[in-house]
Amino acid sequence: MVNGCELRMRHIMRDGKMLCIPMDHGVSNGPITGLEDPSSIISSCDKLGLTSIIINKGIIRTLKAPPHVGILVHFSASTSLSPYPNRKMITGTVDEAIRLGADGVSLHINIGSKEEPEMLEQLGTAATQCHSWGMPLLAMMYPRGENIPDPHDPETVAHTARIGAECGADIVKTLYTGDPDSFRRVVKGTPVPVVIAGGPKVETDLEILKMTADAMGAGAAGVTYGRNIFAHAAPPKMVAALAGIIFDSMSAEEAAKRLV
């Protein structure tokens, strides 16, 4: 029997794969390049292979029209102006997400920071609430903080991703380890879909496409790229190129032709 969580998961993913633009950066960094008008980015990309977006609850209310893609509402917040930028606080509830019409909830958890204990408590509590309502939970699991010398270390990333699954997340977003072999171990050790973050904007388009192809080949369920899409010179073309890799198994070089 189909349940609510499965129905919503099918709205934020397609055939078990995800191409998502996180646009929650406005709280932490303000109206950065590309996010001055989130509605325009969404409307220009939402029929080109995009499956979902991650936005804060206030932005949902300002959308000019309902998007054709799934919406995950982000309920974690901290700012670059704070003396504690790694300390993420809860900004909403699952019943609020339902009232907003969201298809899922997103939380950001920093593993290795001194604030880790309270963020793990937030994750566990949110997972319980989400499961009660049949609401998918995406956990952004980042190795980040005083106890993390190398955030891309494969063992550290594998541990961090596994924590998200262990605490009840339905989808885990984490860092790519830099090569398919090590990331394959991350995916194998995480019993829920794993999607990768894009991180800072890369130097070349081929670089982000190659990382995507390598991650998908290692078993990733998709990508959640922010700046590498919304700060791109042509966000719709980048979405189309990424869709070619994720859904059509194109190589990075083949997908790059969609950027011309």
Protein backbone atom coordinates (compact mmCIF):
# COMPACT_ATOMS: atom_id res chain seq x y z
CA MET A 1 0.00 0.00 0.00
CA VAL A 2 1.34 3.43 -0.94
CA ASN A 3 1.82 5.81 1.98
CA GLY A 4 2.18 9.57 2.29
CA CYS A 5 5.95 9.54 2.60
CA GLU A 6 6.32 7.50 -0.59
CA LEU A 7 4.00 9.82 -2.51
CA ARG A 8 5.97 12.87 -1.38
CA MET A 9 9.30 11.21 -2.11
CA ARG A 10 8.12 10.66 -5.69
CA HIS A 11 7.43 14.37 -5.93
CA ILE A 12 10.90 15.45 -4.81
CA MET A 13 12.72 12.67 -6.72
CA ARG A 14 12.16 10.97 -10.09
CA ASP A 15 12.68 7.25 -10.39
CA GLY A 16 14.66 7.42 -7.16
CA LYS A 17 16.97 10.17 -8.43
CA MET A 18 17.22 13.79 -7.39
CA LEU A 19 18.26 17.03 -9.07
CA CYS A 20 17.71 19.71 -6.47
CA ILE A 21 18.65 23.37 -6.09
CA PRO A 22 19.10 24.37 -2.44
CA MET A 23 18.32 28.06 -2.05
CA ASP A 24 18.34 28.41 1.71
CA HIS A 25 21.46 30.63 1.64
CA GLY A 26 19.56 33.88 2.23
CA VAL A 27 19.51 33.42 6.00
CA SER A 28 23.17 32.58 6.36
CA ASN A 29 24.63 34.88 3.67
CA GLY A 30 21.92 37.27 2.50
CA PRO A 31 20.89 37.94 -1.13
CA ILE A 32 24.03 36.51 -2.72
CA THR A 33 24.64 36.51 -6.47
CA GLY A 34 21.95 34.51 -8.22
CA LEU A 35 19.52 34.51 -5.30
CA GLU A 36 18.30 38.06 -5.51
CA ASP A 37 15.03 36.67 -6.93
CA PRO A 38 14.54 32.96 -6.14
CA SER A 39 11.24 32.83 -8.04
CA SER A 40 12.91 33.63 -11.34
CA ILE A 41 15.51 30.87 -10.89
CA ILE A 42 12.81 28.34 -10.07
CA SER A 43 10.55 29.28 -12.98
CA SER A 44 13.40 29.18 -15.47
CA CYS A 45 14.59 25.73 -14.41
CA ASP A 46 11.58 23.75 -13.23
CA LYS A 47 10.75 22.02 -16.55
CA LEU A 48 14.28 21.07 -17.55
CA GLY A 49 14.87 18.06 -15.33
CA LEU A 50 14.83 19.74 -11.94
CA THR A 51 13.04 17.54 -9.38
CA SER A 52 13.02 19.73 -6.28
CA ILE A 53 14.14 22.86 -4.47
CA ILE A 54 15.09 23.62 -0.88
CA ILE A 55 13.89 27.00 0.37
CA ASN A 56 13.08 28.70 3.65
CA LYS A 57 9.47 29.08 4.70
CA GLY A 58 9.37 32.83 4.09
CA ILE A 59 10.38 32.35 0.47
CA ILE A 60 7.60 29.81 -0.10
CA ARG A 61 5.14 32.55 0.78
CA THR A 62 6.68 34.94 -1.75
CA LEU A 63 6.74 32.60 -4.77
CA LYS A 64 4.93 34.14 -7.71
CA ALA A 65 3.37 30.84 -8.74
CA PRO A 66 3.37 27.23 -7.50
CA PRO A 67 6.41 25.47 -9.00
CA HIS A 68 6.18 22.22 -10.95
CA VAL A 69 8.86 20.67 -8.74
CA GLY A 70 8.87 19.32 -5.21
CA ILE A 71 9.49 21.71 -2.33
CA LEU A 72 11.54 20.90 0.75
CA VAL A 73 11.20 23.56 3.39
CA HIS A 74 14.43 24.24 5.26
CA PHE A 75 14.08 24.50 9.03
CA SER A 76 17.70 25.12 10.11
CA ALA A 77 19.25 28.54 10.46
CA SER A 78 22.40 30.38 11.45
CA THR A 79 24.07 33.47 10.01
CA SER A 80 27.54 34.47 8.92
CA LEU A 81 27.14 37.49 11.20
CA SER A 82 26.92 35.30 14.30
CA PRO A 83 29.86 34.37 16.53
CA TYR A 84 28.46 30.82 16.25
CA PRO A 85 27.86 30.31 12.51
CA ASN A 86 27.98 26.49 12.82
CA ARG A 87 25.19 26.42 15.40
CA LYS A 88 22.01 25.62 13.49
CA MET A 89 18.71 26.36 15.20
CA ILE A 90 15.24 25.05 14.35
CA THR A 91 12.98 27.57 12.61
CA GLY A 92 9.78 25.60 11.98
CA THR A 93 7.68 22.53 12.64
CA VAL A 94 6.41 19.65 10.54
CA ASP A 95 2.78 20.71 10.82
CA GLU A 96 3.85 24.13 9.53
CA ALA A 97 5.52 22.42 6.57
CA ILE A 98 2.26 20.65 5.81
CA ARG A 99 0.29 23.92 5.99
CA LEU A 100 2.81 25.50 3.59
CA GLY A 101 2.22 22.69 1.09
CA ALA A 102 5.81 21.43 1.28
CA ASP A 103 6.71 17.92 0.12
CA GLY A 104 9.52 17.46 2.61
CA VAL A 105 11.59 18.98 5.40
CA SER A 106 15.31 19.79 5.29
CA LEU A 107 17.67 20.16 8.25
CA HIS A 108 21.38 21.04 8.41
CA ILE A 109 23.54 19.13 10.91
CA ASN A 110 27.22 19.90 11.54
CA ILE A 111 29.12 16.90 12.84
CA GLY A 112 32.32 17.59 14.73
CA SER A 113 31.37 21.01 16.04
CA LYS A 114 30.84 21.79 19.71
CA GLU A 115 27.16 22.33 18.92
CA GLU A 116 26.82 18.78 17.54
CA PRO A 117 24.82 17.36 20.52
CA GLU A 118 21.92 19.78 20.22
CA MET A 119 21.81 19.42 16.43
CA LEU A 120 21.63 15.63 16.77
CA GLU A 121 18.74 16.10 19.18
CA GLN A 122 17.04 18.35 16.61
CA LEU A 123 17.53 15.70 13.92
CA GLY A 124 16.08 12.90 16.04
CA THR A 125 13.08 14.97 17.10
CA ALA A 126 12.37 16.14 13.55
CA ALA A 127 12.64 12.58 12.22
CA THR A 128 10.04 11.39 14.73
CA GLN A 129 7.68 14.22 13.78
CA CYS A 130 8.23 13.72 10.04
CA HIS A 131 7.57 10.00 10.25
CA SER A 132 4.37 10.64 12.21
CA TRP A 133 3.07 12.80 9.35
CA GLY A 134 4.49 10.82 6.43
CA MET A 135 6.80 13.72 5.58
CA PRO A 136 10.20 12.97 4.02
CA LEU A 137 13.22 14.35 5.87
CA LEU A 138 16.41 15.38 4.08
CA ALA A 139 19.40 15.76 6.40
CA MET A 140 22.32 17.90 5.25
CA MET A 141 25.09 16.02 7.05
CA TYR A 142 28.32 18.02 7.01
CA PRO A 143 31.65 17.21 8.68
CA ARG A 144 32.26 20.73 9.93
CA GLY A 145 33.69 22.10 13.12
CA GLU A 146 36.55 22.16 15.57
CA ASN A 147 37.07 18.40 15.49
CA ILE A 148 37.20 18.00 11.68
CA PRO A 149 40.70 18.49 10.20
CA ASP A 150 39.66 17.28 6.72
CA PRO A 151 35.94 17.51 5.84
CA HIS A 152 36.45 15.41 2.69
CA ASP A 153 38.18 12.51 4.44
CA PRO A 154 36.29 9.39 3.24
CA GLU A 155 36.02 7.79 6.67
CA THR A 156 34.74 11.02 8.18
CA VAL A 157 32.21 11.54 5.39
CA ALA A 158 31.04 7.92 5.65
CA HIS A 159 30.55 8.27 9.41
CA THR A 160 28.76 11.60 9.02
CA ALA A 161 26.38 10.28 6.34
CA ARG A 162 25.61 7.16 8.37
CA ILE A 163 24.63 9.31 11.35
CA GLY A 164 21.90 10.91 9.24
CA ALA A 165 20.43 7.54 8.30
CA GLU A 166 20.76 6.19 11.83
CA CYS A 167 18.85 9.17 13.22
CA GLY A 168 15.95 8.72 10.79
CA ALA A 169 16.61 10.82 7.67
CA ASP A 170 15.00 9.60 4.44
CA ILE A 171 17.64 11.29 2.25
CA VAL A 172 21.18 12.23 3.25
CA LYS A 173 23.03 15.10 1.63
CA THR A 174 26.77 15.16 2.21
CA LEU A 175 30.12 16.06 0.69
CA TYR A 176 31.68 14.24 -2.21
CA THR A 177 34.93 12.59 -1.15
CA GLY A 178 36.76 13.39 -4.38
CA ASP A 179 36.87 10.03 -6.13
CA PRO A 180 34.34 7.30 -7.04
CA ASP A 181 36.00 4.47 -5.10
CA SER A 182 35.94 6.20 -1.73
CA PHE A 183 32.48 7.64 -2.30
CA ARG A 184 31.18 4.20 -3.23
CA ARG A 185 32.01 3.15 0.35
CA VAL A 186 30.04 6.14 1.67
CA VAL A 187 26.98 5.09 -0.32
CA LYS A 188 27.34 1.44 0.67
CA GLY A 189 27.45 2.39 4.34
CA THR A 190 24.36 4.62 4.20
CA PRO A 191 21.07 2.69 3.92
CA VAL A 192 19.08 5.62 2.48
CA PRO A 193 19.60 7.63 -0.75
CA VAL A 194 22.73 9.79 -0.69
CA VAL A 195 22.97 13.02 -2.67
CA ILE A 196 25.99 15.27 -2.92
CA ALA A 197 26.50 18.94 -2.18
CA GLY A 198 28.12 21.22 -4.71
CA GLY A 199 30.09 23.34 -2.28
CA PRO A 200 31.70 26.59 -3.50
CA LYS A 201 31.26 27.58 -7.13
CA VAL A 202 33.77 25.62 -9.22
CA GLU A 203 36.21 27.03 -11.76
CA THR A 204 34.83 25.27 -14.85
CA ASP A 205 31.52 23.76 -15.89
CA LEU A 206 33.21 20.50 -16.87
CA GLU A 207 34.53 20.17 -13.32
CA ILE A 208 31.03 20.11 -11.78
CA LEU A 209 29.73 17.83 -14.53
CA LYS A 210 32.61 15.40 -14.02
CA MET A 211 32.01 15.33 -10.27
CA THR A 212 28.34 14.61 -10.92
CA ALA A 213 29.09 11.77 -13.31
CA ASP A 214 31.63 10.25 -10.93
CA ALA A 215 29.26 10.46 -7.97
CA MET A 216 26.38 8.92 -9.92
CA GLY A 217 28.69 6.14 -11.08
CA ALA A 218 29.56 5.49 -7.43
CA GLY A 219 25.89 5.08 -6.51
CA ALA A 220 24.76 8.55 -5.53
CA ALA A 221 21.04 9.21 -5.90
CA GLY A 222 21.60 12.68 -7.28
CA VAL A 223 22.83 16.16 -6.50
CA THR A 224 21.82 19.25 -4.56
CA TYR A 225 23.78 22.10 -6.13
CA GLY A 226 23.28 25.69 -5.07
CA ARG A 227 25.85 28.21 -6.31
CA ASN A 228 26.92 25.97 -9.17
CA ILE A 229 23.40 26.36 -10.57
CA PHE A 230 21.86 29.64 -9.38
CA ALA A 231 25.15 31.58 -9.73
CA HIS A 232 25.87 30.07 -13.15
CA ALA A 233 25.73 32.32 -16.21
CA ALA A 234 22.87 30.19 -17.57
CA PRO A 235 21.14 28.22 -14.77
CA PRO A 236 18.60 26.50 -17.10
CA LYS A 237 21.40 25.15 -19.30
CA MET A 238 23.30 23.85 -16.28
CA VAL A 239 20.15 22.10 -15.01
CA ALA A 240 19.64 20.52 -18.44
CA ALA A 241 23.25 19.35 -18.52
CA LEU A 242 23.04 17.85 -15.03
CA ALA A 243 19.75 16.16 -15.92
CA GLY A 244 21.48 14.52 -18.87
CA ILE A 245 23.97 12.88 -16.51
CA ILE A 246 21.55 11.99 -13.71
CA PHE A 247 18.59 10.72 -15.75
CA ASP A 248 20.06 9.85 -19.16
CA SER A 249 23.46 8.47 -18.07
CA MET A 250 25.35 10.94 -20.24
CA SER A 251 29.07 11.44 -19.77
CA ALA A 252 30.29 14.80 -18.54
CA GLU A 253 31.54 15.62 -22.02
CA GLU A 254 28.21 14.71 -23.65
CA ALA A 255 26.27 16.74 -21.08
CA ALA A 256 28.54 19.74 -21.60
CA LYS A 257 27.12 20.12 -25.11
CA ARG A 258 23.86 21.26 -23.49
CA LEU A 259 25.69 24.31 -22.15
CA VAL A 260 26.48 25.68 -25.58
